[in-house]
Amino acid sequence: MLGGAQRAGVVRVSAADAEGEPLLEQERFEIGADHGVAVDLPDEAVLVTVDARNTPVSATVELTGGRTGTLRLRQPEVYAEVPAVRPGAGQSSG
C-alpha cells in the first residue's frame, strides 16, 4: 500500500525475483494527498523498488497466506554535481 502523499504525483514500482529477473518493470501509479494505491506484488518478489515523483510517499507491505519476511528500507542515494558559475569567475584581472 502506498500513501501519505503531500500532493498529486506519480509512483513507479519495480520488482524482481531472487535471480534478479524483473517481475514488474516501472509500473506506473498515480497517487494524491486524498488517495493511496494498493499494489499487488508477485509472490516471487524479493526486491521492490518504489520511485516517487513530485511528492514524498509512505509504504506499507502486508504479507498474506501465513508468510513471513524481512523488510529493509533505505533512503535513495541522491548525488548531484552542480557547477558553481559566477560572472567573472576564473578570469584573471590584468
PDB file of N, CA and C in Angstrom:
ATOM      1  N   MET A   1       0.851  -1.162   0.000  1.00  0.00           N
ATOM      2  CA  MET A   1       0.000   0.000   0.000  1.00  0.00           C
ATOM      3  C   MET A   1       0.901   1.230   0.000  1.00  0.00           C
ATOM      4  N   LEU A   2       0.650   2.130  -0.911  1.00  0.00           N
ATOM      5  CA  LEU A   2       1.375   3.393  -0.979  1.00  0.00           C
ATOM      6  C   LEU A   2       0.422   4.517  -0.611  1.00  0.00           C
ATOM      7  N   GLY A   3       0.874   5.450   0.188  1.00  0.00           N
ATOM      8  CA  GLY A   3       0.028   6.562   0.609  1.00  0.00           C
ATOM      9  C   GLY A   3       0.869   7.651   1.229  1.00  0.00           C
ATOM     10  N   GLY A   4       0.208   8.579   1.889  1.00  0.00           N
ATOM     11  CA  GLY A   4       0.901   9.650   2.580  1.00  0.00           C
ATOM     12  C   GLY A   4       1.464  10.721   1.674  1.00  0.00           C
ATOM     13  N   ALA A   5       0.997  10.771   0.440  1.00  0.00           N
ATOM     14  CA  ALA A   5       1.494  11.791  -0.481  1.00  0.00           C
ATOM     15  C   ALA A   5       1.044  13.173  -0.028  1.00  0.00           C
ATOM     16  N   GLN A   6       1.880  14.150  -0.246  1.00  0.00           N
ATOM     17  CA  GLN A   6       1.543  15.522   0.124  1.00  0.00           C
ATOM     18  C   GLN A   6       0.778  16.232  -0.984  1.00  0.00           C
ATOM     19  N   ARG A   7       0.923  15.742  -2.212  1.00  0.00           N
ATOM     20  CA  ARG A   7       0.238  16.327  -3.369  1.00  0.00           C
ATOM     21  C   ARG A   7       0.180  15.259  -4.465  1.00  0.00           C
ATOM     22  N   ALA A   8      -0.449  15.570  -5.562  1.00  0.00           N
ATOM     23  CA  ALA A   8      -0.552  14.617  -6.668  1.00  0.00           C
ATOM     24  C   ALA A   8       0.829  14.317  -7.223  1.00  0.00           C
ATOM     25  N   GLY A   9       1.027  13.062  -7.584  1.00  0.00           N
ATOM     26  CA  GLY A   9       2.304  12.652  -8.144  1.00  0.00           C
ATOM     27  C   GLY A   9       2.204  11.296  -8.795  1.00  0.00           C
ATOM     28  N   VAL A  10       3.331  10.818  -9.252  1.00  0.00           N
ATOM     29  CA  VAL A  10       3.422   9.521  -9.915  1.00  0.00           C
ATOM     30  C   VAL A  10       4.412   8.657  -9.152  1.00  0.00           C
ATOM     31  N   VAL A  11       4.067   7.393  -8.981  1.00  0.00           N
ATOM     32  CA  VAL A  11       4.947   6.429  -8.335  1.00  0.00           C
ATOM     33  C   VAL A  11       5.194   5.310  -9.329  1.00  0.00           C
ATOM     34  N   ARG A  12       6.455   4.935  -9.493  1.00  0.00           N
ATOM     35  CA  ARG A  12       6.808   3.805 -10.359  1.00  0.00           C
ATOM     36  C   ARG A  12       7.336   2.678  -9.470  1.00  0.00           C
ATOM     37  N   VAL A  13       6.809   1.480  -9.685  1.00  0.00           N
ATOM     38  CA  VAL A  13       7.168   0.330  -8.866  1.00  0.00           C
ATOM     39  C   VAL A  13       7.805  -0.738  -9.747  1.00  0.00           C
ATOM     40  N   SER A  14       8.951  -1.230  -9.301  1.00  0.00           N
ATOM     41  CA  SER A  14       9.624  -2.342  -9.971  1.00  0.00           C
ATOM     42  C   SER A  14       9.809  -3.465  -8.963  1.00  0.00           C
ATOM     43  N   ALA A  15       9.808  -4.699  -9.430  1.00  0.00           N
ATOM     44  CA  ALA A  15      10.026  -5.853  -8.553  1.00  0.00           C
ATOM     45  C   ALA A  15      10.834  -6.893  -9.310  1.00  0.00           C
ATOM     46  N   ALA A  16      11.674  -7.622  -8.561  1.00  0.00           N
ATOM     47  CA  ALA A  16      12.495  -8.676  -9.154  1.00  0.00           C
ATOM     48  C   ALA A  16      12.448  -9.914  -8.265  1.00  0.00           C
ATOM     49  N   ASP A  17      12.723 -11.065  -8.878  1.00  0.00           N
ATOM     50  CA  ASP A  17      12.766 -12.304  -8.112  1.00  0.00           C
ATOM     51  C   ASP A  17      14.176 -12.549  -7.578  1.00  0.00           C
ATOM     52  N   ALA A  18      14.401 -13.691  -6.942  1.00  0.00           N
ATOM     53  CA  ALA A  18      15.684 -13.995  -6.306  1.00  0.00           C
ATOM     54  C   ALA A  18      16.836 -14.084  -7.304  1.00  0.00           C
ATOM     55  N   GLU A  19      16.548 -14.365  -8.562  1.00  0.00           N
ATOM     56  CA  GLU A  19      17.589 -14.432  -9.587  1.00  0.00           C
ATOM     57  C   GLU A  19      17.816 -13.088 -10.264  1.00  0.00           C
ATOM     58  N   GLY A  20      17.065 -12.070  -9.848  1.00  0.00           N
ATOM     59  CA  GLY A  20      17.206 -10.745 -10.450  1.00  0.00           C
ATOM     60  C   GLY A  20      16.354 -10.526 -11.683  1.00  0.00           C
ATOM     61  N   GLU A  21      15.518 -11.502 -12.002  1.00  0.00           N
ATOM     62  CA  GLU A  21      14.637 -11.367 -13.165  1.00  0.00           C
ATOM     63  C   GLU A  21      13.494 -10.408 -12.836  1.00  0.00           C
ATOM     64  N   PRO A  22      13.218  -9.453 -13.711  1.00  0.00           N
ATOM     65  CA  PRO A  22      12.142  -8.495 -13.443  1.00  0.00           C
ATOM     66  C   PRO A  22      10.765  -9.153 -13.448  1.00  0.00           C
ATOM     67  N   LEU A  23       9.974  -8.787 -12.454  1.00  0.00           N
ATOM     68  CA  LEU A  23       8.580  -9.238 -12.366  1.00  0.00           C
ATOM     69  C   LEU A  23       7.635  -8.079 -12.674  1.00  0.00           C
ATOM     70  N   LEU A  24       8.008  -6.896 -12.245  1.00  0.00           N
ATOM     71  CA  LEU A  24       7.335  -5.643 -12.585  1.00  0.00           C
ATOM     72  C   LEU A  24       8.419  -4.691 -13.055  1.00  0.00           C
ATOM     73  N   GLU A  25       8.165  -3.972 -14.126  1.00  0.00           N
ATOM     74  CA  GLU A  25       9.154  -3.036 -14.625  1.00  0.00           C
ATOM     75  C   GLU A  25       8.551  -1.638 -14.712  1.00  0.00           C
ATOM     76  N   GLN A  26       8.894  -0.817 -13.730  1.00  0.00           N
ATOM     77  CA  GLN A  26       8.484   0.587 -13.727  1.00  0.00           C
ATOM     78  C   GLN A  26       6.972   0.740 -13.950  1.00  0.00           C
ATOM     79  N   GLU A  27       6.182  -0.098 -13.254  1.00  0.00           N
ATOM     80  CA  GLU A  27       4.730   0.022 -13.365  1.00  0.00           C
ATOM     81  C   GLU A  27       4.308   1.354 -12.746  1.00  0.00           C
ATOM     82  N   ARG A  28       3.499   2.117 -13.457  1.00  0.00           N
ATOM     83  CA  ARG A  28       3.166   3.493 -13.084  1.00  0.00           C
ATOM     84  C   ARG A  28       1.833   3.558 -12.346  1.00  0.00           C
ATOM     85  N   PHE A  29       1.839   4.305 -11.222  1.00  0.00           N
ATOM     86  CA  PHE A  29       0.626   4.518 -10.438  1.00  0.00           C
ATOM     87  C   PHE A  29       0.506   6.004 -10.129  1.00  0.00           C
ATOM     88  N   GLU A  30      -0.708   6.519 -10.201  1.00  0.00           N
ATOM     89  CA  GLU A  30      -0.949   7.908  -9.806  1.00  0.00           C
ATOM     90  C   GLU A  30      -1.392   7.914  -8.353  1.00  0.00           C
ATOM     91  N   ILE A  31      -0.879   8.879  -7.587  1.00  0.00           N
ATOM     92  CA  ILE A  31      -1.158   8.977  -6.159  1.00  0.00           C
ATOM     93  C   ILE A  31      -1.473  10.433  -5.837  1.00  0.00           C
ATOM     94  N   GLY A  32      -2.200  10.644  -4.755  1.00  0.00           N
ATOM     95  CA  GLY A  32      -2.530  12.011  -4.352  1.00  0.00           C
ATOM     96  C   GLY A  32      -2.685  12.108  -2.853  1.00  0.00           C
ATOM     97  N   ALA A  33      -2.827  13.323  -2.380  1.00  0.00           N
ATOM     98  CA  ALA A  33      -2.976  13.554  -0.943  1.00  0.00           C
ATOM     99  C   ALA A  33      -4.270  12.933  -0.420  1.00  0.00           C
ATOM    100  N   ASP A  34      -5.246  12.754  -1.298  1.00  0.00           N
ATOM    101  CA  ASP A  34      -6.546  12.244  -0.865  1.00  0.00           C
ATOM    102  C   ASP A  34      -6.761  10.759  -1.160  1.00  0.00           C
ATOM    103  N   HIS A  35      -5.772  10.093  -1.744  1.00  0.00           N
ATOM    104  CA  HIS A  35      -5.941   8.662  -2.016  1.00  0.00           C
ATOM    105  C   HIS A  35      -4.595   7.947  -2.118  1.00  0.00           C
ATOM    106  N   GLY A  36      -4.617   6.672  -1.714  1.00  0.00           N
ATOM    107  CA  GLY A  36      -3.437   5.825  -1.793  1.00  0.00           C
ATOM    108  C   GLY A  36      -3.586   4.828  -2.929  1.00  0.00           C
ATOM    109  N   VAL A  37      -2.619   3.948  -3.033  1.00  0.00           N
ATOM    110  CA  VAL A  37      -2.617   2.962  -4.102  1.00  0.00           C
ATOM    111  C   VAL A  37      -2.239   1.603  -3.516  1.00  0.00           C
ATOM    112  N   ALA A  38      -3.023   0.588  -3.846  1.00  0.00           N
ATOM    113  CA  ALA A  38      -2.675  -0.786  -3.460  1.00  0.00           C
ATOM    114  C   ALA A  38      -1.970  -1.432  -4.638  1.00  0.00           C
ATOM    115  N   VAL A  39      -0.795  -1.974  -4.389  1.00  0.00           N
ATOM    116  CA  VAL A  39      -0.005  -2.620  -5.435  1.00  0.00           C
ATOM    117  C   VAL A  39       0.102  -4.104  -5.100  1.00  0.00           C
ATOM    118  N   ASP A  40      -0.400  -4.949  -5.980  1.00  0.00           N
ATOM    119  CA  ASP A  40      -0.270  -6.394  -5.793  1.00  0.00           C
ATOM    120  C   ASP A  40       1.078  -6.831  -6.344  1.00  0.00           C
ATOM    121  N   LEU A  41       1.919  -7.347  -5.459  1.00  0.00           N
ATOM    122  CA  LEU A  41       3.235  -7.815  -5.870  1.00  0.00           C
ATOM    123  C   LEU A  41       3.200  -9.312  -6.129  1.00  0.00           C
ATOM    124  N   PRO A  42       3.946  -9.774  -7.119  1.00  0.00           N
ATOM    125  CA  PRO A  42       4.018 -11.225  -7.352  1.00  0.00           C
ATOM    126  C   PRO A  42       4.607 -11.932  -6.136  1.00  0.00           C
ATOM    127  N   ASP A  43       4.172 -13.159  -5.884  1.00  0.00           N
ATOM    128  CA  ASP A  43       4.665 -13.937  -4.746  1.00  0.00           C
ATOM    129  C   ASP A  43       6.177 -14.129  -4.789  1.00  0.00           C
ATOM    130  N   GLU A  44       6.768 -14.154  -5.981  1.00  0.00           N
ATOM    131  CA  GLU A  44       8.198 -14.407  -6.138  1.00  0.00           C
ATOM    132  C   GLU A  44       9.061 -13.175  -5.867  1.00  0.00           C
ATOM    133  N   ALA A  45       8.457 -12.024  -5.657  1.00  0.00           N
ATOM    134  CA  ALA A  45       9.223 -10.778  -5.490  1.00  0.00           C
ATOM    135  C   ALA A  45      10.050 -10.804  -4.206  1.00  0.00           C
ATOM    136  N   VAL A  46      11.345 -10.520  -4.356  1.00  0.00           N
ATOM    137  CA  VAL A  46      12.230 -10.408  -3.197  1.00  0.00           C
ATOM    138  C   VAL A  46      12.851  -9.016  -3.116  1.00  0.00           C
ATOM    139  N   LEU A  47      12.778  -8.251  -4.197  1.00  0.00           N
ATOM    140  CA  LEU A  47      13.283  -6.889  -4.231  1.00  0.00           C
ATOM    141  C   LEU A  47      12.232  -5.994  -4.864  1.00  0.00           C
ATOM    142  N   VAL A  48      11.859  -4.935  -4.156  1.00  0.00           N
ATOM    143  CA  VAL A  48      10.871  -3.990  -4.660  1.00  0.00           C
ATOM    144  C   VAL A  48      11.475  -2.592  -4.596  1.00  0.00           C
ATOM    145  N   THR A  49      11.377  -1.870  -5.689  1.00  0.00           N
ATOM    146  CA  THR A  49      11.864  -0.500  -5.754  1.00  0.00           C
ATOM    147  C   THR A  49      10.684   0.419  -6.016  1.00  0.00           C
ATOM    148  N   VAL A  50      10.562   1.456  -5.176  1.00  0.00           N
ATOM    149  CA  VAL A  50       9.490   2.441  -5.311  1.00  0.00           C
ATOM    150  C   VAL A  50      10.136   3.780  -5.603  1.00  0.00           C
ATOM    151  N   ASP A  51       9.792   4.370  -6.732  1.00  0.00           N
ATOM    152  CA  ASP A  51      10.348   5.652  -7.154  1.00  0.00           C
ATOM    153  C   ASP A  51       9.210   6.658  -7.242  1.00  0.00           C
ATOM    154  N   ALA A  52       9.172   7.582  -6.278  1.00  0.00           N
ATOM    155  CA  ALA A  52       8.108   8.590  -6.235  1.00  0.00           C
ATOM    156  C   ALA A  52       8.572   9.848  -6.949  1.00  0.00           C
ATOM    157  N   ARG A  53       7.696  10.416  -7.732  1.00  0.00           N
ATOM    158  CA  ARG A  53       7.980  11.665  -8.449  1.00  0.00           C
ATOM    159  C   ARG A  53       6.998  12.726  -7.980  1.00  0.00           C
ATOM    160  N   ASN A  54       7.468  13.910  -7.748  1.00  0.00           N
ATOM    161  CA  ASN A  54       6.663  15.086  -7.418  1.00  0.00           C
ATOM    162  C   ASN A  54       6.146  15.140  -5.986  1.00  0.00           C
ATOM    163  N   THR A  55       6.273  14.067  -5.220  1.00  0.00           N
ATOM    164  CA  THR A  55       5.799  14.084  -3.839  1.00  0.00           C
ATOM    165  C   THR A  55       6.421  12.937  -3.052  1.00  0.00           C
ATOM    166  N   PRO A  56       6.711  13.158  -1.781  1.00  0.00           N
ATOM    167  CA  PRO A  56       7.153  12.025  -0.958  1.00  0.00           C
ATOM    168  C   PRO A  56       5.967  11.110  -0.657  1.00  0.00           C
ATOM    169  N   VAL A  57       6.241   9.817  -0.462  1.00  0.00           N
ATOM    170  CA  VAL A  57       5.191   8.851  -0.142  1.00  0.00           C
ATOM    171  C   VAL A  57       5.656   7.948   0.996  1.00  0.00           C
ATOM    172  N   SER A  58       4.695   7.245   1.578  1.00  0.00           N
ATOM    173  CA  SER A  58       4.965   6.221   2.588  1.00  0.00           C
ATOM    174  C   SER A  58       4.493   4.893   2.024  1.00  0.00           C
ATOM    175  N   ALA A  59       5.047   3.799   2.543  1.00  0.00           N
ATOM    176  CA  ALA A  59       4.657   2.486   2.050  1.00  0.00           C
ATOM    177  C   ALA A  59       4.484   1.524   3.207  1.00  0.00           C
ATOM    178  N   THR A  60       3.548   0.595   3.040  1.00  0.00           N
ATOM    179  CA  THR A  60       3.323  -0.493   3.974  1.00  0.00           C
ATOM    180  C   THR A  60       3.283  -1.782   3.167  1.00  0.00           C
ATOM    181  N   VAL A  61       3.934  -2.817   3.677  1.00  0.00           N
ATOM    182  CA  VAL A  61       3.931  -4.110   3.000  1.00  0.00           C
ATOM    183  C   VAL A  61       3.186  -5.101   3.887  1.00  0.00           C
ATOM    184  N   GLU A  62       2.223  -5.799   3.296  1.00  0.00           N
ATOM    185  CA  GLU A  62       1.466  -6.808   4.032  1.00  0.00           C
ATOM    186  C   GLU A  62       1.724  -8.162   3.392  1.00  0.00           C
ATOM    187  N   LEU A  63       2.186  -9.112   4.198  1.00  0.00           N
ATOM    188  CA  LEU A  63       2.382 -10.476   3.721  1.00  0.00           C
ATOM    189  C   LEU A  63       1.140 -11.280   4.068  1.00  0.00           C
ATOM    190  N   THR A  64       0.644 -12.036   3.105  1.00  0.00           N
ATOM    191  CA  THR A  64      -0.566 -12.830   3.325  1.00  0.00           C
ATOM    192  C   THR A  64      -0.244 -14.311   3.230  1.00  0.00           C
ATOM    193  N   GLY A  65      -1.200 -15.141   3.588  1.00  0.00           N
ATOM    194  CA  GLY A  65      -1.038 -16.582   3.454  1.00  0.00           C
ATOM    195  C   GLY A  65      -0.092 -17.182   4.475  1.00  0.00           C
ATOM    196  N   GLY A  66       0.053 -16.545   5.640  1.00  0.00           N
ATOM    197  CA  GLY A  66       0.904 -17.097   6.682  1.00  0.00           C
ATOM    198  C   GLY A  66       2.392 -16.944   6.407  1.00  0.00           C
ATOM    199  N   ARG A  67       2.760 -16.117   5.436  1.00  0.00           N
ATOM    200  CA  ARG A  67       4.170 -15.934   5.108  1.00  0.00           C
ATOM    201  C   ARG A  67       4.804 -14.924   6.054  1.00  0.00           C
ATOM    202  N   THR A  68       6.103 -15.021   6.213  1.00  0.00           N
ATOM    203  CA  THR A  68       6.861 -14.041   6.986  1.00  0.00           C
ATOM    204  C   THR A  68       7.964 -13.487   6.104  1.00  0.00           C
ATOM    205  N   GLY A  69       8.503 -12.349   6.497  1.00  0.00           N
ATOM    206  CA  GLY A  69       9.561 -11.752   5.697  1.00  0.00           C
ATOM    207  C   GLY A  69      10.278 -10.666   6.467  1.00  0.00           C
ATOM    208  N   THR A  70      11.331 -10.178   5.875  1.00  0.00           N
ATOM    209  CA  THR A  70      12.106  -9.085   6.442  1.00  0.00           C
ATOM    210  C   THR A  70      12.008  -7.904   5.495  1.00  0.00           C
ATOM    211  N   LEU A  71      11.734  -6.759   6.052  1.00  0.00           N
ATOM    212  CA  LEU A  71      11.615  -5.551   5.250  1.00  0.00           C
ATOM    213  C   LEU A  71      12.759  -4.623   5.606  1.00  0.00           C
ATOM    214  N   ARG A  72      13.637  -4.357   4.653  1.00  0.00           N
ATOM    215  CA  ARG A  72      14.742  -3.426   4.849  1.00  0.00           C
ATOM    216  C   ARG A  72      14.493  -2.208   3.982  1.00  0.00           C
ATOM    217  N   LEU A  73      14.519  -1.060   4.597  1.00  0.00           N
ATOM    218  CA  LEU A  73      14.310   0.183   3.863  1.00  0.00           C
ATOM    219  C   LEU A  73      15.592   0.986   3.853  1.00  0.00           C
ATOM    220  N   ARG A  74      15.822   1.705   2.778  1.00  0.00           N
ATOM    221  CA  ARG A  74      16.963   2.617   2.732  1.00  0.00           C
ATOM    222  C   ARG A  74      16.577   3.849   1.940  1.00  0.00           C
ATOM    223  N   GLN A  75      17.184   4.945   2.311  1.00  0.00           N
ATOM    224  CA  GLN A  75      16.953   6.189   1.600  1.00  0.00           C
ATOM    225  C   GLN A  75      17.563   6.086   0.212  1.00  0.00           C
ATOM    226  N   PRO A  76      16.955   6.749  -0.758  1.00  0.00           N
ATOM    227  CA  PRO A  76      17.551   6.738  -2.092  1.00  0.00           C
ATOM    228  C   PRO A  76      18.880   7.487  -2.073  1.00  0.00           C
ATOM    229  N   GLU A  77      19.794   7.005  -2.883  1.00  0.00           N
ATOM    230  CA  GLU A  77      21.082   7.671  -2.996  1.00  0.00           C
ATOM    231  C   GLU A  77      20.936   8.827  -3.974  1.00  0.00           C
ATOM    232  N   VAL A  78      21.145  10.015  -3.475  1.00  0.00           N
ATOM    233  CA  VAL A  78      20.989  11.201  -4.306  1.00  0.00           C
ATOM    234  C   VAL A  78      22.308  11.953  -4.319  1.00  0.00           C
ATOM    235  N   TYR A  79      22.873  12.062  -5.471  1.00  0.00           N
ATOM    236  CA  TYR A  79      24.112  12.802  -5.648  1.00  0.00           C
ATOM    237  C   TYR A  79      23.898  13.805  -6.773  1.00  0.00           C
ATOM    238  N   ALA A  80      24.439  14.979  -6.601  1.00  0.00           N
ATOM    239  CA  ALA A  80      24.323  15.990  -7.644  1.00  0.00           C
ATOM    240  C   ALA A  80      25.635  16.732  -7.767  1.00  0.00           C
ATOM    241  N   GLU A  81      26.041  16.936  -8.973  1.00  0.00           N
ATOM    242  CA  GLU A  81      27.217  17.738  -9.235  1.00  0.00           C
ATOM    243  C   GLU A  81      26.745  18.977  -9.982  1.00  0.00           C
ATOM    244  N   VAL A  82      26.591  20.050  -9.247  1.00  0.00           N
ATOM    245  CA  VAL A  82      26.107  21.298  -9.819  1.00  0.00           C
ATOM    246  C   VAL A  82      27.272  22.275  -9.834  1.00  0.00           C
ATOM    247  N   PRO A  83      27.695  22.688 -11.001  1.00  0.00           N
ATOM    248  CA  PRO A  83      28.818  23.624 -11.042  1.00  0.00           C
ATOM    249  C   PRO A  83      28.411  24.992 -10.521  1.00  0.00           C
ATOM    250  N   ALA A  84      29.346  25.633  -9.855  1.00  0.00           N
ATOM    251  CA  ALA A  84      29.121  26.993  -9.378  1.00  0.00           C
ATOM    252  C   ALA A  84      29.619  27.924 -10.462  1.00  0.00           C
ATOM    253  N   VAL A  85      28.724  28.589 -11.124  1.00  0.00           N
ATOM    254  CA  VAL A  85      29.088  29.503 -12.217  1.00  0.00           C
ATOM    255  C   VAL A  85      28.712  30.911 -11.794  1.00  0.00           C
ATOM    256  N   ARG A  86      29.739  31.759 -11.750  1.00  0.00           N
ATOM    257  CA  ARG A  86      29.518  33.157 -11.389  1.00  0.00           C
ATOM    258  C   ARG A  86      30.130  34.032 -12.458  1.00  0.00           C
ATOM    259  N   PRO A  87      29.521  35.178 -12.730  1.00  0.00           N
ATOM    260  CA  PRO A  87      30.118  36.093 -13.711  1.00  0.00           C
ATOM    261  C   PRO A  87      31.523  36.503 -13.269  1.00  0.00           C
ATOM    262  N   GLY A  88      32.459  36.395 -14.177  1.00  0.00           N
ATOM    263  CA  GLY A  88      33.824  36.819 -13.885  1.00  0.00           C
ATOM    264  C   GLY A  88      34.648  35.770 -13.159  1.00  0.00           C
ATOM    265  N   ALA A  89      34.072  34.658 -12.778  1.00  0.00           N
ATOM    266  CA  ALA A  89      34.825  33.633 -12.061  1.00  0.00           C
ATOM    267  C   ALA A  89      35.840  33.007 -12.996  1.00  0.00           C
ATOM    268  N   GLY A  90      37.038  32.838 -12.537  1.00  0.00           N
ATOM    269  CA  GLY A  90      38.073  32.194 -13.313  1.00  0.00           C
ATOM    270  C   GLY A  90      38.807  33.118 -14.264  1.00  0.00           C
ATOM    271  N   GLN A  91      38.421  34.379 -14.350  1.00  0.00           N
ATOM    272  CA  GLN A  91      39.111  35.318 -15.209  1.00  0.00           C
ATOM    273  C   GLN A  91      40.142  36.082 -14.395  1.00  0.00           C
ATOM    274  N   SER A  92      41.293  36.239 -14.978  1.00  0.00           N
ATOM    275  CA  SER A  92      42.322  37.000 -14.278  1.00  0.00           C
ATOM    276  C   SER A  92      42.159  38.483 -14.567  1.00  0.00           C
ATOM    277  N   SER A  93      42.451  39.285 -13.599  1.00  0.00           N
ATOM    278  CA  SER A  93      42.322  40.727 -13.783  1.00  0.00           C
ATOM    279  C   SER A  93      43.682  41.321 -14.115  1.00  0.00           C
ATOM    280  N   GLY A  94      43.828  41.723 -15.281  1.00  0.00           N
ATOM    281  CA  GLY A  94      45.027  42.464 -15.615  1.00  0.00           C
ATOM    282  C   GLY A  94      45.865  41.854 -16.576  1.00  0.00           C
TER     283      GLY A  94
END
